[in-house]
């Protein structure tokens, strides 16, 4: 079970609506599973979870194999100063995610004490934009934040 899985649209709806007769273990697995770790990590984390619970979720269409993440090249750095990156991030977060979804990033921006930490926030923000709005939007945001390849 080296594969990573992610929730499908149906899976997210099931979490919200609770319409299917899932076992407690399968439902808990559905709640915690995400592509950041392989399936065996989540199975080991949840007491009593087995591969059969995973199979139930797959067959019901609640989870699917997550695509392999695209690793950012090591030279992916911003050419903006701290102040420029700070201002750009604050403006783009509201524009791309709105006030409510962008709130967490706003807090992270305020906690950043230097350019390296602010750059990490910016990279995470680009990843979220990629997930929510697509690759084109993420590329535009990366350029606006001064990231070059």
Foldseek 3Di string as FASTA:
>chain_A
DQFAKAFDPVLVVCLVPVPDPADPQLNVLSVPGDRPGHPVVSQVVGPPRDVVSVVVCVVVRGMDTDDDDDDDDPLFFAPDALVQLLVLLVVVLCVQPNDPRSVVLPVQSVVDPHDVSSRVSLVVVLVVSCVPPNDVVSVVSSVSSRTDD
